[in-house]
C-alpha atoms as a PDB file:
ATOM      1  CA  MET A   1      10.559 -11.647   7.528  1.00  0.00           C
ATOM      2  CA  VAL A   2      13.071 -11.949  10.328  1.00  0.00           C
ATOM      3  CA  LEU A   3      16.534 -13.131   9.339  1.00  0.00           C
ATOM      4  CA  GLY A   4      19.572 -13.765  11.468  1.00  0.00           C
ATOM      5  CA  GLY A   5      22.436 -11.324  11.531  1.00  0.00           C
ATOM      6  CA  GLY A   6      24.774 -11.869   8.601  1.00  0.00           C
ATOM      7  CA  SER A   7      21.874 -12.875   6.340  1.00  0.00           C
ATOM      8  CA  GLU A   8      22.203  -9.881   4.065  1.00  0.00           C
ATOM      9  CA  PRO A   9      23.205 -12.079   1.074  1.00  0.00           C
ATOM     10  CA  ALA A  10      20.009 -14.099   1.524  1.00  0.00           C
ATOM     11  CA  ALA A  11      17.999 -10.899   1.817  1.00  0.00           C
ATOM     12  CA  ALA A  12      19.330  -9.791  -1.575  1.00  0.00           C
ATOM     13  CA  HIS A  13      17.389 -12.679  -3.151  1.00  0.00           C
ATOM     14  CA  LEU A  14      14.187 -11.359  -1.582  1.00  0.00           C
ATOM     15  CA  LYS A  15      14.490  -7.761  -2.766  1.00  0.00           C
ATOM     16  CA  ASP A  16      11.743  -8.069  -5.383  1.00  0.00           C
ATOM     17  CA  MET A  17       9.209  -9.458  -2.923  1.00  0.00           C
ATOM     18  CA  SER A  18       6.799  -7.193  -1.110  1.00  0.00           C
ATOM     19  CA  LEU A  19       7.937  -7.899   2.419  1.00  0.00           C
ATOM     20  CA  LYS A  20       9.709  -6.122   5.191  1.00  0.00           C
ATOM     21  CA  ILE A  21      13.035  -7.671   6.186  1.00  0.00           C
ATOM     22  CA  LEU A  22      14.185  -7.410   9.781  1.00  0.00           C
ATOM     23  CA  TYR A  23      17.240  -8.861  11.492  1.00  0.00           C
ATOM     24  CA  ASN A  24      17.776 -10.641  14.765  1.00  0.00           C
ATOM     25  CA  THR A  25      21.374  -9.643  15.420  1.00  0.00           C
ATOM     26  CA  LEU A  26      21.721 -11.801  18.544  1.00  0.00           C
ATOM     27  CA  PRO A  27      23.217 -15.000  17.097  1.00  0.00           C
ATOM     28  CA  ASN A  28      22.686 -17.174  20.169  1.00  0.00           C
ATOM     29  CA  SER A  29      19.191 -16.005  21.019  1.00  0.00           C
ATOM     30  CA  GLU A  30      16.245 -18.350  21.060  1.00  0.00           C
ATOM     31  CA  MET A  31      13.784 -18.429  18.163  1.00  0.00           C
ATOM     32  CA  VAL A  32      11.204 -16.616  20.291  1.00  0.00           C
ATOM     33  CA  LYS A  33      13.392 -13.487  20.058  1.00  0.00           C
ATOM     34  CA  SER A  34      12.921 -13.493  16.271  1.00  0.00           C
ATOM     35  CA  VAL A  35       9.174 -14.006  16.771  1.00  0.00           C
ATOM     36  CA  ARG A  36       9.040 -10.938  19.025  1.00  0.00           C
ATOM     37  CA  ILE A  37      10.968  -8.860  16.460  1.00  0.00           C
ATOM     38  CA  GLY A  38       8.485  -9.867  13.771  1.00  0.00           C
ATOM     39  CA  LEU A  39       5.511  -9.296  16.049  1.00  0.00           C
ATOM     40  CA  GLN A  40       6.621  -5.735  16.794  1.00  0.00           C
ATOM     41  CA  ALA A  41       6.823  -4.977  13.073  1.00  0.00           C
ATOM     42  CA  MET A  42       3.444  -6.441  12.133  1.00  0.00           C
ATOM     43  CA  ALA A  43       0.907  -4.015  10.758  1.00  0.00           C
ATOM     44  CA  PRO A  44      -2.011  -3.419  13.140  1.00  0.00           C
ATOM     45  CA  GLN A  45      -4.477  -5.043  10.746  1.00  0.00           C
ATOM     46  CA  CYS A  46      -2.490  -8.312  10.576  1.00  0.00           C
ATOM     47  CA  GLN A  47      -4.264 -11.058  12.450  1.00  0.00           C
ATOM     48  CA  ALA A  48      -1.772 -13.921  12.165  1.00  0.00           C
ATOM     49  CA  ALA A  49       1.845 -14.800  11.437  1.00  0.00           C
ATOM     50  CA  LEU A  50       3.283 -17.754   9.601  1.00  0.00           C
ATOM     51  CA  ILE A  51       6.329 -18.985  11.478  1.00  0.00           C
ATOM     52  CA  CYS A  52       8.658 -20.599   8.929  1.00  0.00           C
ATOM     53  CA  LEU A  53      11.844 -22.252  10.111  1.00  0.00           C
ATOM     54  CA  VAL A  54      15.031 -22.024   8.107  1.00  0.00           C
ATOM     55  CA  ASP A  55      15.809 -25.686   8.812  1.00  0.00           C
ATOM     56  CA  HIS A  56      12.737 -26.838   6.815  1.00  0.00           C
ATOM     57  CA  PRO A  57      13.777 -25.796   3.290  1.00  0.00           C
ATOM     58  CA  LEU A  58      11.679 -28.263   1.307  1.00  0.00           C
ATOM     59  CA  VAL A  59       8.220 -26.946   2.223  1.00  0.00           C
ATOM     60  CA  GLN A  60       6.285 -26.427  -0.994  1.00  0.00           C
ATOM     61  CA  ALA A  61       4.575 -23.170  -1.932  1.00  0.00           C
ATOM     62  CA  ASP A  62       1.214 -24.976  -2.247  1.00  0.00           C
ATOM     63  CA  THR A  63       1.547 -26.114   1.359  1.00  0.00           C
ATOM     64  CA  ILE A  64       2.014 -22.539   2.531  1.00  0.00           C
ATOM     65  CA  LYS A  65      -1.070 -21.536   0.522  1.00  0.00           C
ATOM     66  CA  GLN A  66      -3.064 -24.336   2.198  1.00  0.00           C
ATOM     67  CA  ILE A  67      -1.968 -23.235   5.676  1.00  0.00           C
ATOM     68  CA  VAL A  68      -2.868 -19.598   4.990  1.00  0.00           C
ATOM     69  CA  ALA A  69      -6.235 -20.612   3.502  1.00  0.00           C
ATOM     70  CA  ALA A  70      -6.985 -22.723   6.598  1.00  0.00           C
ATOM     71  CA  GLY A  71      -6.119 -19.741   8.783  1.00  0.00           C
ATOM     72  CA  LEU A  72      -8.478 -17.510   6.829  1.00  0.00           C
ATOM     73  CA  GLU A  73     -11.249 -20.089   7.137  1.00  0.00           C
ATOM     74  CA  GLN A  74     -10.616 -20.547  10.864  1.00  0.00           C
ATOM     75  CA  PRO A  75      -9.414 -17.237  12.289  1.00  0.00           C
ATOM     76  CA  GLY A  76      -7.985 -17.381  15.781  1.00  0.00           C
ATOM     77  CA  LYS A  77      -6.725 -20.943  15.324  1.00  0.00           C
ATOM     78  CA  ILE A  78      -3.184 -22.283  15.347  1.00  0.00           C
ATOM     79  CA  ILE A  79      -2.737 -24.142  12.053  1.00  0.00           C
ATOM     80  CA  ILE A  80      -0.130 -26.926  12.157  1.00  0.00           C
ATOM     81  CA  PRO A  81       0.576 -28.948   9.004  1.00  0.00           C
ATOM     82  CA  THR A  82       0.958 -32.694   9.356  1.00  0.00           C
ATOM     83  CA  PHE A  83       2.486 -35.299   7.088  1.00  0.00           C
ATOM     84  CA  GLN A  84       1.555 -38.919   7.810  1.00  0.00           C
ATOM     85  CA  GLU A  85       0.282 -37.805  11.247  1.00  0.00           C
ATOM     86  CA  ARG A  86       3.592 -36.105  12.158  1.00  0.00           C
ATOM     87  CA  ARG A  87       3.387 -32.441  13.075  1.00  0.00           C
ATOM     88  CA  GLY A  88       5.543 -30.142  11.002  1.00  0.00           C
ATOM     89  CA  HIS A  89       6.277 -26.562  10.007  1.00  0.00           C
ATOM     90  CA  PRO A  90       5.518 -23.817   9.138  1.00  0.00           C
ATOM     91  CA  THR A  91       2.850 -23.023  11.709  1.00  0.00           C
ATOM     92  CA  LEU A  92       0.304 -20.217  11.515  1.00  0.00           C
ATOM     93  CA  PHE A  93      -0.292 -18.437  14.822  1.00  0.00           C
ATOM     94  CA  PRO A  94      -2.954 -15.850  15.613  1.00  0.00           C
ATOM     95  CA  LYS A  95      -1.318 -12.548  16.503  1.00  0.00           C
ATOM     96  CA  ALA A  96      -3.197 -12.435  19.800  1.00  0.00           C
ATOM     97  CA  LEU A  97      -1.618 -15.695  20.941  1.00  0.00           C
ATOM     98  CA  LEU A  98       1.859 -14.626  19.849  1.00  0.00           C
ATOM     99  CA  THR A  99       1.686 -11.773  22.348  1.00  0.00           C
ATOM    100  CA  GLU A 100       2.126 -14.482  25.012  1.00  0.00           C
ATOM    101  CA  THR A 101       5.797 -14.564  23.994  1.00  0.00           C
ATOM    102  CA  TYR A 102       6.129 -11.313  25.944  1.00  0.00           C
ATOM    103  CA  GLN A 103       5.023 -13.219  29.045  1.00  0.00           C
ATOM    104  CA  GLY A 104       7.940 -15.608  28.574  1.00  0.00           C
ATOM    105  CA  PHE A 105       6.141 -18.404  26.731  1.00  0.00           C
ATOM    106  CA  HIS A 106       7.761 -20.203  23.805  1.00  0.00           C
ATOM    107  CA  LEU A 107       5.757 -21.303  20.772  1.00  0.00           C
ATOM    108  CA  GLN A 108       5.450 -24.922  21.923  1.00  0.00           C
ATOM    109  CA  GLU A 109       4.201 -23.694  25.288  1.00  0.00           C
ATOM    110  CA  ILE A 110       1.619 -21.481  23.593  1.00  0.00           C
ATOM    111  CA  ILE A 111       0.407 -24.497  21.600  1.00  0.00           C
ATOM    112  CA  GLY A 112       0.198 -26.517  24.816  1.00  0.00           C
ATOM    113  CA  ARG A 113      -1.714 -23.757  26.609  1.00  0.00           C
ATOM    114  CA  HIS A 114      -4.380 -23.613  23.876  1.00  0.00           C
ATOM    115  CA  PRO A 115      -5.205 -27.153  22.696  1.00  0.00           C
ATOM    116  CA  ASP A 116      -8.722 -25.994  21.782  1.00  0.00           C
ATOM    117  CA  LYS A 117      -7.234 -23.585  19.238  1.00  0.00           C
ATOM    118  CA  VAL A 118      -5.002 -26.141  17.477  1.00  0.00           C
ATOM    119  CA  VAL A 119      -6.029 -27.339  14.019  1.00  0.00           C
ATOM    120  CA  LEU A 120      -3.966 -30.125  12.463  1.00  0.00           C
ATOM    121  CA  LEU A 121      -3.900 -29.770   8.694  1.00  0.00           C
ATOM    122  CA  PRO A 122      -2.921 -32.945   6.784  1.00  0.00           C
ATOM    123  CA  VAL A 123      -0.807 -32.062   3.745  1.00  0.00           C
ATOM    124  CA  PRO A 124       0.819 -34.262   1.076  1.00  0.00           C
ATOM    125  CA  ASP A 125       4.153 -32.445   1.555  1.00  0.00           C
ATOM    126  CA  GLU A 126       6.899 -34.354   3.355  1.00  0.00           C
ATOM    127  CA  GLY A 127       8.879 -31.103   3.448  1.00  0.00           C
ATOM    128  CA  VAL A 128       6.917 -30.015   6.526  1.00  0.00           C
ATOM    129  CA  VAL A 129       8.643 -32.711   8.603  1.00  0.00           C
ATOM    130  CA  LEU A 130      12.064 -32.802   6.935  1.00  0.00           C
ATOM    131  CA  GLU A 131      14.494 -30.665   8.880  1.00  0.00           C
ATOM    132  CA  MET A 132      18.227 -30.189   8.654  1.00  0.00           C
ATOM    133  CA  ASP A 133      19.761 -29.725  12.075  1.00  0.00           C
ATOM    134  CA  THR A 134      22.703 -32.074  11.606  1.00  0.00           C
ATOM    135  CA  PRO A 135      25.262 -32.615   8.839  1.00  0.00           C
ATOM    136  CA  GLU A 136      23.564 -35.935   8.076  1.00  0.00           C
ATOM    137  CA  GLU A 137      20.151 -34.299   7.687  1.00  0.00           C
ATOM    138  CA  TYR A 138      21.728 -31.624   5.485  1.00  0.00           C
ATOM    139  CA  GLN A 139      23.248 -34.299   3.245  1.00  0.00           C
ATOM    140  CA  ALA A 140      19.907 -36.143   3.046  1.00  0.00           C
ATOM    141  CA  ILE A 141      18.125 -32.950   1.978  1.00  0.00           C
ATOM    142  CA  CYS A 142      20.813 -32.194  -0.624  1.00  0.00           C
ATOM    143  CA  GLN A 143      20.345 -35.734  -1.954  1.00  0.00           C
ATOM    144  CA  ARG A 144      16.561 -35.239  -2.186  1.00  0.00           C
ATOM    145  CA  LEU A 145      17.021 -31.957  -4.023  1.00  0.00           C
ATOM    146  CA  GLN A 146      19.430 -33.574  -6.454  1.00  0.00           C
ATOM    147  CA  GLU A 147      17.005 -36.449  -7.093  1.00  0.00           C
ATOM    148  CA  THR A 148      14.135 -34.003  -7.590  1.00  0.00           C
ATOM    149  CA  SER A 149      16.067 -31.864 -10.052  1.00  0.00           C
ATOM    150  CA  HIS A 150      17.108 -34.946 -12.053  1.00  0.00           C
ATOM    151  CA  GLY A 151      13.530 -36.232 -12.124  1.00  0.00           C
ATOM    152  CA  GLN A 152      12.217 -33.084 -13.800  1.00  0.00           C
END
């Protein structure tokens, strides 16, 4: 898992999970820098990486399981979840394709370069398309979380 610099408090919540935590200490770098950091730390036997964005906090665990299962069933494919025909996140990338980041390609460019490798996976999880890049989107997500916690 690659976290931004200053994310040590968040990392403390992950201490009981069996994962390696790395940091991208360049606060203004592009996301592809974090991808490269993660790629360098991947074990040789790893064949794919799930790229999860911090601004999509409502993705359900079952959705991640579905994406990983689709990747295992279709190795070498880029697995992109969709909700109501809208592409979302997280996305599973084959390790071999992620090496193209070293050639200067961003993830969207890699997807565009390999349309034959893209698999769209419909999921019933709106969280894959709900992002929070603005204060308004943040407030909307907080409202959804509050409604969800009151409905349980």
